[in-house]
Amino acid sequence: MKAFSVLLMLVLLIASWTVLREPSSPNVATDESLSPKVETGEVLGIRHVTLKEGVDSDEFERFFVEEYQPVFNERFPGLQFMLLKGDRGQDVGGYIFVLKVSSVWARNYYWPDDDSDSGKYEELLEACGSTCERLFDKFIGYVVEDVYSQYTDYVELTR
């Protein structure tokens, strides 16, 4: 049984890598306002987070770092879920939720455009089962509004 479990995990890891590796051609930007020599790198999806009245910020931070982040980062290939806290400047103490995606191609694999998803993220979410559902609901319970619907994706420009 142990050998079967190890084999199954190996197959899942290889399948995830195969599906999410980028095509062999460079990830060239298609925006006509960019130089044709500019390529794109990682994508950062930025979502501003406001905690609900009465939420303990230390408790929220611990929850995200110790519970939410490890599970979601492990279960979704090509995606990294991060919480950043303002340290200096205009939004000291404020939070942003960052969805770091390995490339435009990987982002489009999950979400082909603004108004739809490919179903791949939902498949992985369903496979995660009650664990992800509980963590998602707990996260939403801490924040004022659904941070998943209000966002901007920033694409890294590289050479």
C-alpha atoms as a PDB file:
ATOM      1  CA  MET A   1       0.000   0.000   0.000  1.00  0.00           C
ATOM      2  CA  LYS A   2       2.848   2.383   0.862  1.00  0.00           C
ATOM      3  CA  ALA A   3       4.516   1.720  -2.506  1.00  0.00           C
ATOM      4  CA  PHE A   4       1.228   2.453  -4.275  1.00  0.00           C
ATOM      5  CA  SER A   5       0.856   5.770  -2.411  1.00  0.00           C
ATOM      6  CA  VAL A   6       4.393   6.813  -3.311  1.00  0.00           C
ATOM      7  CA  LEU A   7       3.820   5.850  -6.947  1.00  0.00           C
ATOM      8  CA  LEU A   8       0.532   7.767  -7.049  1.00  0.00           C
ATOM      9  CA  MET A   9       2.174  10.911  -5.625  1.00  0.00           C
ATOM     10  CA  LEU A  10       4.990  10.628  -8.177  1.00  0.00           C
ATOM     11  CA  VAL A  11       2.498  10.319 -11.043  1.00  0.00           C
ATOM     12  CA  LEU A  12       0.543  13.361  -9.788  1.00  0.00           C
ATOM     13  CA  LEU A  13       3.719  15.449  -9.502  1.00  0.00           C
ATOM     14  CA  ILE A  14       4.850  14.514 -13.008  1.00  0.00           C
ATOM     15  CA  ALA A  15       1.381  15.197 -14.413  1.00  0.00           C
ATOM     16  CA  SER A  16       1.248  18.617 -12.740  1.00  0.00           C
ATOM     17  CA  TRP A  17       4.686  19.548 -14.050  1.00  0.00           C
ATOM     18  CA  THR A  18       3.836  18.351 -17.552  1.00  0.00           C
ATOM     19  CA  VAL A  19       0.575  20.280 -17.660  1.00  0.00           C
ATOM     20  CA  LEU A  20       1.955  23.523 -16.261  1.00  0.00           C
ATOM     21  CA  ARG A  21       5.314  23.735 -17.983  1.00  0.00           C
ATOM     22  CA  GLU A  22       5.302  26.544 -20.456  1.00  0.00           C
ATOM     23  CA  PRO A  23       5.353  26.010 -24.184  1.00  0.00           C
ATOM     24  CA  SER A  24       8.851  26.046 -25.676  1.00  0.00           C
ATOM     25  CA  SER A  25       8.332  29.407 -27.401  1.00  0.00           C
ATOM     26  CA  PRO A  26       9.033  32.545 -25.356  1.00  0.00           C
ATOM     27  CA  ASN A  27       6.172  34.226 -23.580  1.00  0.00           C
ATOM     28  CA  VAL A  28       6.159  37.309 -25.804  1.00  0.00           C
ATOM     29  CA  ALA A  29       3.885  40.168 -24.835  1.00  0.00           C
ATOM     30  CA  THR A  30       1.015  40.761 -27.249  1.00  0.00           C
ATOM     31  CA  ASP A  31       0.187  44.273 -26.078  1.00  0.00           C
ATOM     32  CA  GLU A  32       0.838  46.559 -29.060  1.00  0.00           C
ATOM     33  CA  SER A  33       2.003  49.338 -26.727  1.00  0.00           C
ATOM     34  CA  LEU A  34       5.059  47.274 -25.779  1.00  0.00           C
ATOM     35  CA  SER A  35       8.239  46.875 -27.742  1.00  0.00           C
ATOM     36  CA  PRO A  36       8.215  43.617 -29.740  1.00  0.00           C
ATOM     37  CA  LYS A  37      11.356  42.582 -27.832  1.00  0.00           C
ATOM     38  CA  VAL A  38       9.656  42.789 -24.422  1.00  0.00           C
ATOM     39  CA  GLU A  39       8.706  39.455 -22.929  1.00  0.00           C
ATOM     40  CA  THR A  40       6.566  38.699 -19.914  1.00  0.00           C
ATOM     41  CA  GLY A  41       7.513  36.862 -16.754  1.00  0.00           C
ATOM     42  CA  GLU A  42       5.544  36.202 -13.604  1.00  0.00           C
ATOM     43  CA  VAL A  43       2.061  37.565 -12.961  1.00  0.00           C
ATOM     44  CA  LEU A  44       1.125  39.173  -9.659  1.00  0.00           C
ATOM     45  CA  GLY A  45      -2.588  39.341  -8.975  1.00  0.00           C
ATOM     46  CA  ILE A  46      -3.041  42.081  -6.367  1.00  0.00           C
ATOM     47  CA  ARG A  47      -6.094  42.204  -4.135  1.00  0.00           C
ATOM     48  CA  HIS A  48      -6.482  44.772  -1.351  1.00  0.00           C
ATOM     49  CA  VAL A  49      -7.629  43.300   1.952  1.00  0.00           C
ATOM     50  CA  THR A  50      -9.570  45.093   4.678  1.00  0.00           C
ATOM     51  CA  LEU A  51     -10.243  43.203   7.873  1.00  0.00           C
ATOM     52  CA  LYS A  52     -13.714  43.182   9.394  1.00  0.00           C
ATOM     53  CA  GLU A  53     -14.317  45.269  12.499  1.00  0.00           C
ATOM     54  CA  GLY A  54     -13.114  43.406  15.588  1.00  0.00           C
ATOM     55  CA  VAL A  55     -10.823  40.955  13.773  1.00  0.00           C
ATOM     56  CA  ASP A  56      -7.535  40.429  15.608  1.00  0.00           C
ATOM     57  CA  SER A  57      -4.805  41.136  13.036  1.00  0.00           C
ATOM     58  CA  ASP A  58      -2.313  38.798  14.756  1.00  0.00           C
ATOM     59  CA  GLU A  59      -4.862  35.965  14.606  1.00  0.00           C
ATOM     60  CA  PHE A  60      -5.527  36.681  10.902  1.00  0.00           C
ATOM     61  CA  GLU A  61      -1.808  36.722  10.078  1.00  0.00           C
ATOM     62  CA  ARG A  62      -1.195  33.453  11.964  1.00  0.00           C
ATOM     63  CA  PHE A  63      -4.137  31.801  10.220  1.00  0.00           C
ATOM     64  CA  PHE A  64      -2.911  32.828   6.790  1.00  0.00           C
ATOM     65  CA  VAL A  65       0.734  31.864   7.308  1.00  0.00           C
ATOM     66  CA  GLU A  66       0.187  28.672   9.301  1.00  0.00           C
ATOM     67  CA  GLU A  67      -3.007  27.256   7.779  1.00  0.00           C
ATOM     68  CA  TYR A  68      -4.163  28.846   4.514  1.00  0.00           C
ATOM     69  CA  GLN A  69      -0.890  29.474   2.704  1.00  0.00           C
ATOM     70  CA  PRO A  70       0.734  26.036   3.159  1.00  0.00           C
ATOM     71  CA  VAL A  71      -2.331  24.158   1.918  1.00  0.00           C
ATOM     72  CA  PHE A  72      -3.104  26.360  -1.081  1.00  0.00           C
ATOM     73  CA  ASN A  73       0.545  26.703  -2.147  1.00  0.00           C
ATOM     74  CA  GLU A  74       0.953  22.921  -2.087  1.00  0.00           C
ATOM     75  CA  ARG A  75      -2.243  22.057  -3.952  1.00  0.00           C
ATOM     76  CA  PHE A  76      -2.147  24.512  -6.869  1.00  0.00           C
ATOM     77  CA  PRO A  77       0.853  24.092  -9.219  1.00  0.00           C
ATOM     78  CA  GLY A  78       2.206  27.305 -10.693  1.00  0.00           C
ATOM     79  CA  LEU A  79       0.424  29.456  -8.078  1.00  0.00           C
ATOM     80  CA  GLN A  80       1.784  30.972  -4.887  1.00  0.00           C
ATOM     81  CA  PHE A  81      -0.610  32.566  -2.398  1.00  0.00           C
ATOM     82  CA  MET A  82       0.919  35.410  -0.357  1.00  0.00           C
ATOM     83  CA  LEU A  83      -0.210  37.975   2.195  1.00  0.00           C
ATOM     84  CA  LEU A  84       1.772  41.218   2.398  1.00  0.00           C
ATOM     85  CA  LYS A  85       1.479  43.830   5.136  1.00  0.00           C
ATOM     86  CA  GLY A  86       2.282  47.525   4.674  1.00  0.00           C
ATOM     87  CA  ASP A  87       5.470  48.435   6.497  1.00  0.00           C
ATOM     88  CA  ARG A  88       6.232  51.935   5.189  1.00  0.00           C
ATOM     89  CA  GLY A  89       4.503  54.501   3.034  1.00  0.00           C
ATOM     90  CA  GLN A  90       0.818  55.237   2.527  1.00  0.00           C
ATOM     91  CA  ASP A  91      -0.719  51.967   3.730  1.00  0.00           C
ATOM     92  CA  VAL A  92       1.226  51.052   6.886  1.00  0.00           C
ATOM     93  CA  GLY A  93      -0.546  48.148   8.567  1.00  0.00           C
ATOM     94  CA  GLY A  94      -2.730  47.481   5.517  1.00  0.00           C
ATOM     95  CA  TYR A  95      -2.786  44.153   3.712  1.00  0.00           C
ATOM     96  CA  ILE A  96      -2.706  42.953   0.154  1.00  0.00           C
ATOM     97  CA  PHE A  97      -3.368  39.411  -0.943  1.00  0.00           C
ATOM     98  CA  VAL A  98      -1.045  38.465  -3.795  1.00  0.00           C
ATOM     99  CA  LEU A  99      -1.589  35.558  -6.127  1.00  0.00           C
ATOM    100  CA  LYS A 100       1.809  35.005  -7.731  1.00  0.00           C
ATOM    101  CA  VAL A 101       1.550  32.997 -10.940  1.00  0.00           C
ATOM    102  CA  SER A 102       4.629  31.548 -12.618  1.00  0.00           C
ATOM    103  CA  SER A 103       3.764  33.006 -16.053  1.00  0.00           C
ATOM    104  CA  VAL A 104       1.040  34.501 -18.213  1.00  0.00           C
ATOM    105  CA  TRP A 105       0.655  31.067 -19.762  1.00  0.00           C
ATOM    106  CA  ALA A 106       0.048  29.452 -16.342  1.00  0.00           C
ATOM    107  CA  ARG A 107      -2.428  32.215 -15.383  1.00  0.00           C
ATOM    108  CA  ASN A 108      -4.310  31.652 -18.633  1.00  0.00           C
ATOM    109  CA  TYR A 109      -4.277  27.894 -18.001  1.00  0.00           C
ATOM    110  CA  TYR A 110      -6.437  28.505 -14.930  1.00  0.00           C
ATOM    111  CA  TRP A 111      -8.243  31.688 -16.019  1.00  0.00           C
ATOM    112  CA  PRO A 112      -8.294  32.231 -19.819  1.00  0.00           C
ATOM    113  CA  ASP A 113      -9.875  35.694 -19.512  1.00  0.00           C
ATOM    114  CA  ASP A 114     -11.390  38.111 -16.989  1.00  0.00           C
ATOM    115  CA  ASP A 115     -14.857  36.604 -17.020  1.00  0.00           C
ATOM    116  CA  SER A 116     -14.200  32.875 -17.029  1.00  0.00           C
ATOM    117  CA  ASP A 117     -12.019  30.122 -15.752  1.00  0.00           C
ATOM    118  CA  SER A 118     -10.884  26.943 -17.459  1.00  0.00           C
ATOM    119  CA  GLY A 119     -12.274  24.729 -14.725  1.00  0.00           C
ATOM    120  CA  LYS A 120      -8.766  23.549 -13.744  1.00  0.00           C
ATOM    121  CA  TYR A 121      -8.650  25.665 -10.563  1.00  0.00           C
ATOM    122  CA  GLU A 122     -12.122  24.423  -9.581  1.00  0.00           C
ATOM    123  CA  GLU A 123     -11.052  20.795 -10.206  1.00  0.00           C
ATOM    124  CA  LEU A 124      -8.085  21.194  -7.864  1.00  0.00           C
ATOM    125  CA  LEU A 125     -10.249  23.005  -5.323  1.00  0.00           C
ATOM    126  CA  GLU A 126     -12.764  20.140  -5.384  1.00  0.00           C
ATOM    127  CA  ALA A 127      -9.960  17.576  -5.071  1.00  0.00           C
ATOM    128  CA  CYS A 128      -8.758  19.425  -1.961  1.00  0.00           C
ATOM    129  CA  GLY A 129     -12.230  18.879  -0.519  1.00  0.00           C
ATOM    130  CA  SER A 130     -13.421  20.130   2.844  1.00  0.00           C
ATOM    131  CA  THR A 131      -9.942  21.302   3.864  1.00  0.00           C
ATOM    132  CA  CYS A 132      -9.784  24.011   1.192  1.00  0.00           C
ATOM    133  CA  GLU A 133     -13.455  24.861   1.610  1.00  0.00           C
ATOM    134  CA  ARG A 134     -12.985  25.380   5.366  1.00  0.00           C
ATOM    135  CA  LEU A 135      -9.854  27.517   4.849  1.00  0.00           C
ATOM    136  CA  PHE A 136     -11.496  29.575   2.094  1.00  0.00           C
ATOM    137  CA  ASP A 137     -14.583  30.225   4.249  1.00  0.00           C
ATOM    138  CA  LYS A 138     -12.434  31.138   7.258  1.00  0.00           C
ATOM    139  CA  PHE A 139     -10.377  33.564   5.140  1.00  0.00           C
ATOM    140  CA  ILE A 140     -13.532  35.236   3.791  1.00  0.00           C
ATOM    141  CA  GLY A 141     -14.804  35.469   7.385  1.00  0.00           C
ATOM    142  CA  TYR A 142     -11.902  37.729   8.308  1.00  0.00           C
ATOM    143  CA  VAL A 143     -12.245  40.250   5.468  1.00  0.00           C
ATOM    144  CA  VAL A 144     -14.757  43.006   4.643  1.00  0.00           C
ATOM    145  CA  GLU A 145     -15.379  42.074   1.018  1.00  0.00           C
ATOM    146  CA  ASP A 146     -14.640  39.246  -1.365  1.00  0.00           C
ATOM    147  CA  VAL A 147     -11.006  39.940  -2.217  1.00  0.00           C
ATOM    148  CA  TYR A 148     -11.172  37.420  -5.039  1.00  0.00           C
ATOM    149  CA  SER A 149     -13.456  39.524  -7.242  1.00  0.00           C
ATOM    150  CA  GLN A 150     -11.651  42.896  -7.008  1.00  0.00           C
ATOM    151  CA  TYR A 151      -8.134  42.575  -8.412  1.00  0.00           C
ATOM    152  CA  THR A 152      -5.547  43.725 -10.902  1.00  0.00           C
ATOM    153  CA  ASP A 153      -3.050  41.376 -12.548  1.00  0.00           C
ATOM    154  CA  TYR A 154       0.403  42.877 -13.033  1.00  0.00           C
ATOM    155  CA  VAL A 155       2.670  41.174 -15.550  1.00  0.00           C
ATOM    156  CA  GLU A 156       6.423  41.326 -15.122  1.00  0.00           C
ATOM    157  CA  LEU A 157       8.159  42.775 -18.176  1.00  0.00           C
ATOM    158  CA  THR A 158      11.514  41.227 -18.997  1.00  0.00           C
ATOM    159  CA  ARG A 159      14.004  40.861 -21.836  1.00  0.00           C
END
